[in-house]
Amino acid sequence: MSRIRQVSVVDPYELIDADIDEEYAAAQEGQMEGQTDRFVVDSLTKAAWAVRKMQSAQERINERMDLVQKQIEGLQEWARAANTDDHNTLLYMEQLLLPYTLEQVQAAGGRKKSITVPGARLGFTAQQPDFQRDDDLLIAWAMENGMREELVQTKMTLRWAELKKMCRQVGGHMIAPTGEILPSLTSPHG
C-alpha cells in the first residue's frame, strides 16, 4: 500500500497573483523610468488582486499597531513600577519638611507664607476641595431658585441643517432668502 508522504497546499491565488504582481512591478518600474504607461485594474481578477493587496497591507498595519500598543503598555507599566519608589520618597520628604516649614512660617508672625532654603522655596498654598458634582441636578436647582442668569450658561449654536434648507447654493456661495451672500461660507468645490 502506498502512502502520500507530503501534501503541499497551494494558495489558489498564488499563480494568478504572480502574473499580476509581475505586470504591476513592470508598470511601476516603467513609471520610474519616465514611461507613461501605468498599471490599470481592468478586470475582476485584477480587482480581486488589488483587494487582496489592500487586505494584506491592512493586516501588516494592524500587526505593527498591536506591537506598538503592547510596547507602550509595557513601557507604561515599567514607568509605574520604576516611579513608585520616587513617589514614595517625594511624599515622605514632604512629610519631613512640613513641621519645619510650618514652624518657620509661624515664627515670622504671619508676615511670611514661605521660607527659602538652598535650592528651593517652601511654602503653603490654599487648596480648594475637589467636589464631586452632578451638573444636571445643580442646573435644575439654580433654575428652580431663580438663579438662571447668574449660574447657568446658555451656549448658542447654529442650526446648520435648517440654514441650508432656507438657502440656495450658487457656485461656491450660499445665498440667503433675502438675496445676500452668507458671510464666511466657502465651498471647497467652488
Protein backbone atom coordinates (compact mmCIF):
# COMPACT_ATOMS: atom_id res chain seq x y z
CA MET A 1 0.00 0.00 0.00
CA SER A 2 1.41 3.39 -0.94
CA ARG A 3 1.10 6.43 1.23
CA ILE A 4 1.38 10.08 0.45
CA ARG A 5 4.34 11.45 2.30
CA GLN A 6 3.82 15.15 1.94
CA VAL A 7 0.87 17.17 0.89
CA SER A 8 1.54 20.69 -0.22
CA VAL A 9 -1.30 23.13 -0.13
CA VAL A 10 -1.20 25.69 -2.88
CA ASP A 11 -2.83 29.04 -2.45
CA PRO A 12 -5.29 29.27 -5.36
CA TYR A 13 -4.42 32.92 -5.85
CA GLU A 14 -0.67 32.35 -5.85
CA LEU A 15 -0.36 31.69 -9.57
CA ILE A 16 -2.81 34.40 -10.58
CA ASP A 17 -1.20 36.89 -8.21
CA ALA A 18 2.27 36.08 -9.50
CA ASP A 19 1.30 37.14 -13.03
CA ILE A 20 -0.42 40.31 -11.85
CA ASP A 21 2.46 41.09 -9.45
CA GLU A 22 4.84 40.93 -12.42
CA GLU A 23 2.62 43.19 -14.51
CA TYR A 24 2.29 45.65 -11.61
CA ALA A 25 6.07 45.65 -10.93
CA ALA A 26 6.81 46.24 -14.62
CA ALA A 27 4.38 49.18 -14.72
CA GLN A 28 5.90 50.66 -11.55
CA GLU A 29 9.42 50.24 -12.96
CA GLY A 30 8.34 51.84 -16.24
CA GLN A 31 6.92 54.85 -14.41
CA MET A 32 10.20 55.31 -12.55
CA GLU A 33 11.97 55.34 -15.90
CA GLY A 34 9.65 58.06 -17.21
CA GLN A 35 7.22 55.92 -19.17
CA THR A 36 3.58 56.99 -19.04
CA ASP A 37 2.05 53.51 -19.01
CA ARG A 38 0.65 52.68 -15.63
CA PHE A 39 -0.95 49.63 -14.11
CA VAL A 40 -4.71 49.57 -14.63
CA VAL A 41 -7.31 47.49 -12.84
CA ASP A 42 -9.41 46.44 -15.81
CA SER A 43 -10.77 43.03 -14.84
CA LEU A 44 -12.44 41.22 -11.99
CA THR A 45 -9.24 39.23 -11.45
CA LYS A 46 -7.16 42.40 -11.08
CA ALA A 47 -9.79 43.98 -8.82
CA ALA A 48 -9.70 40.91 -6.55
CA TRP A 49 -5.88 41.08 -6.61
CA ALA A 50 -5.98 44.76 -5.57
CA VAL A 51 -8.39 43.96 -2.74
CA ARG A 52 -6.10 41.15 -1.51
CA LYS A 53 -3.14 43.57 -1.62
CA MET A 54 -5.16 46.08 0.44
CA GLN A 55 -6.19 43.42 2.96
CA SER A 56 -2.61 42.24 3.27
CA ALA A 57 -1.35 45.80 3.80
CA GLN A 58 -4.05 46.45 6.41
CA GLU A 59 -3.13 43.25 8.25
CA ARG A 60 0.52 44.35 8.38
CA ILE A 61 -0.53 47.80 9.64
CA ASN A 62 -2.71 46.19 12.32
CA GLU A 63 0.10 43.86 13.39
CA ARG A 64 2.50 46.79 13.74
CA MET A 65 -0.03 48.87 15.65
CA ASP A 66 -0.72 45.93 18.00
CA LEU A 67 3.01 45.59 18.58
CA VAL A 68 3.33 49.33 19.25
CA GLN A 69 0.38 49.24 21.67
CA LYS A 70 1.89 46.32 23.57
CA GLN A 71 5.23 48.15 23.75
CA ILE A 72 3.51 51.30 25.04
CA GLU A 73 1.61 49.33 27.68
CA GLY A 74 4.82 47.58 28.72
CA LEU A 75 6.69 50.88 29.00
CA GLN A 76 3.86 52.47 30.97
CA GLU A 77 3.85 49.55 33.39
CA TRP A 78 7.63 49.76 33.71
CA ALA A 79 7.42 53.53 34.40
CA ARG A 80 4.72 53.00 37.06
CA ALA A 81 6.84 50.39 38.79
CA ALA A 82 10.06 52.40 38.44
CA ASN A 83 8.39 55.59 39.73
CA THR A 84 6.84 54.01 42.83
CA ASP A 85 9.95 54.45 44.98
CA ASP A 86 10.42 58.05 43.83
CA HIS A 87 6.77 58.91 44.51
CA ASN A 88 7.11 57.43 47.97
CA THR A 89 10.30 59.45 48.52
CA LEU A 90 8.52 62.65 47.46
CA LEU A 91 5.66 62.02 49.89
CA TYR A 92 7.99 61.09 52.72
CA MET A 93 10.25 64.14 52.24
CA GLU A 94 7.23 66.41 52.09
CA GLN A 95 6.05 64.99 55.42
CA LEU A 96 9.51 65.53 56.90
CA LEU A 97 9.63 69.17 55.70
CA LEU A 98 6.08 70.04 56.76
CA PRO A 99 6.68 70.57 60.52
CA TYR A 100 9.90 72.57 59.97
CA THR A 101 8.33 74.79 57.30
CA LEU A 102 5.21 75.38 59.40
CA GLU A 103 7.35 76.29 62.44
CA GLN A 104 9.44 78.77 60.41
CA VAL A 105 6.41 80.43 58.82
CA GLN A 106 4.67 80.77 62.20
CA ALA A 107 7.86 82.18 63.76
CA ALA A 108 7.70 85.04 61.25
CA GLY A 109 4.42 86.13 62.88
CA GLY A 110 2.26 85.78 59.81
CA ARG A 111 4.43 88.11 57.72
CA LYS A 112 5.62 85.23 55.51
CA LYS A 113 3.84 82.41 53.78
CA SER A 114 7.03 80.67 52.65
CA ILE A 115 10.68 80.18 53.57
CA THR A 116 13.76 79.95 51.41
CA VAL A 117 16.20 77.09 51.74
CA PRO A 118 19.15 76.36 49.46
CA GLY A 119 17.70 75.14 46.18
CA ALA A 120 14.02 75.81 46.87
CA ARG A 121 11.28 77.99 48.31
CA LEU A 122 8.98 76.11 50.67
CA GLY A 123 5.51 77.34 51.40
CA PHE A 124 1.86 76.61 51.70
CA THR A 125 -0.93 77.14 49.22
CA ALA A 126 -4.61 77.02 49.98
CA GLN A 127 -6.08 74.06 48.20
CA GLN A 128 -9.71 74.13 47.18
CA PRO A 129 -11.71 71.00 47.94
CA ASP A 130 -12.41 68.78 44.96
CA PHE A 131 -16.19 68.39 44.95
CA GLN A 132 -17.91 65.58 43.12
CA ARG A 133 -20.93 67.09 41.43
CA ASP A 134 -23.86 66.38 39.16
CA ASP A 135 -24.18 69.42 36.90
CA ASP A 136 -27.69 68.46 35.72
CA LEU A 137 -29.01 68.46 39.30
CA LEU A 138 -27.23 71.72 40.10
CA ILE A 139 -28.63 73.38 36.96
CA ALA A 140 -32.13 72.24 37.92
CA TRP A 141 -31.59 73.65 41.45
CA ALA A 142 -30.37 77.01 40.04
CA MET A 143 -33.39 77.23 37.70
CA GLU A 144 -35.85 76.42 40.50
CA ASN A 145 -34.28 79.07 42.73
CA GLY A 146 -34.32 81.88 40.15
CA MET A 147 -30.55 81.94 39.61
CA ARG A 148 -30.51 81.05 35.93
CA GLU A 149 -28.77 84.19 34.71
CA GLU A 150 -26.11 84.14 37.45
CA LEU A 151 -25.27 80.44 37.41
CA VAL A 152 -26.42 78.81 34.16
CA GLN A 153 -24.55 79.47 30.92
CA THR A 154 -26.50 79.12 27.69
CA LYS A 155 -24.44 78.14 24.68
CA MET A 156 -25.71 79.41 21.33
CA THR A 157 -25.23 77.10 18.37
CA LEU A 158 -26.20 77.46 14.75
CA ARG A 159 -28.75 75.02 13.37
CA TRP A 160 -26.79 74.40 10.18
CA ALA A 161 -29.25 71.93 8.63
CA GLU A 162 -32.09 74.46 8.95
CA LEU A 163 -29.96 77.26 7.48
CA LYS A 164 -29.03 75.08 4.49
CA LYS A 165 -32.72 74.35 3.84
CA MET A 166 -33.51 78.08 3.78
CA CYS A 167 -30.68 78.99 1.40
CA ARG A 168 -29.65 78.04 -2.07
CA GLN A 169 -26.18 77.31 -3.34
CA VAL A 170 -24.85 79.30 -6.26
CA GLY A 171 -21.32 78.50 -7.28
CA GLY A 172 -19.25 78.32 -4.13
CA HIS A 173 -21.61 80.54 -2.09
CA MET A 174 -24.79 80.15 -0.06
CA ILE A 175 -27.48 82.71 -0.86
CA ALA A 176 -29.99 83.67 1.88
CA PRO A 177 -33.70 84.12 1.06
CA THR A 178 -33.02 87.89 1.20
CA GLY A 179 -30.55 87.53 -1.68
CA GLU A 180 -27.50 88.16 0.47
CA ILE A 181 -24.39 86.01 0.17
CA LEU A 182 -23.86 84.45 3.59
CA PRO A 183 -20.59 85.57 5.13
CA SER A 184 -17.66 83.25 5.84
CA LEU A 185 -19.04 80.30 3.91
CA THR A 186 -16.96 78.85 1.12
CA SER A 187 -17.21 75.55 -0.67
CA PRO A 188 -14.05 73.60 -1.45
CA HIS A 189 -15.72 72.58 -4.72
CA GLY A 190 -16.24 76.20 -5.81
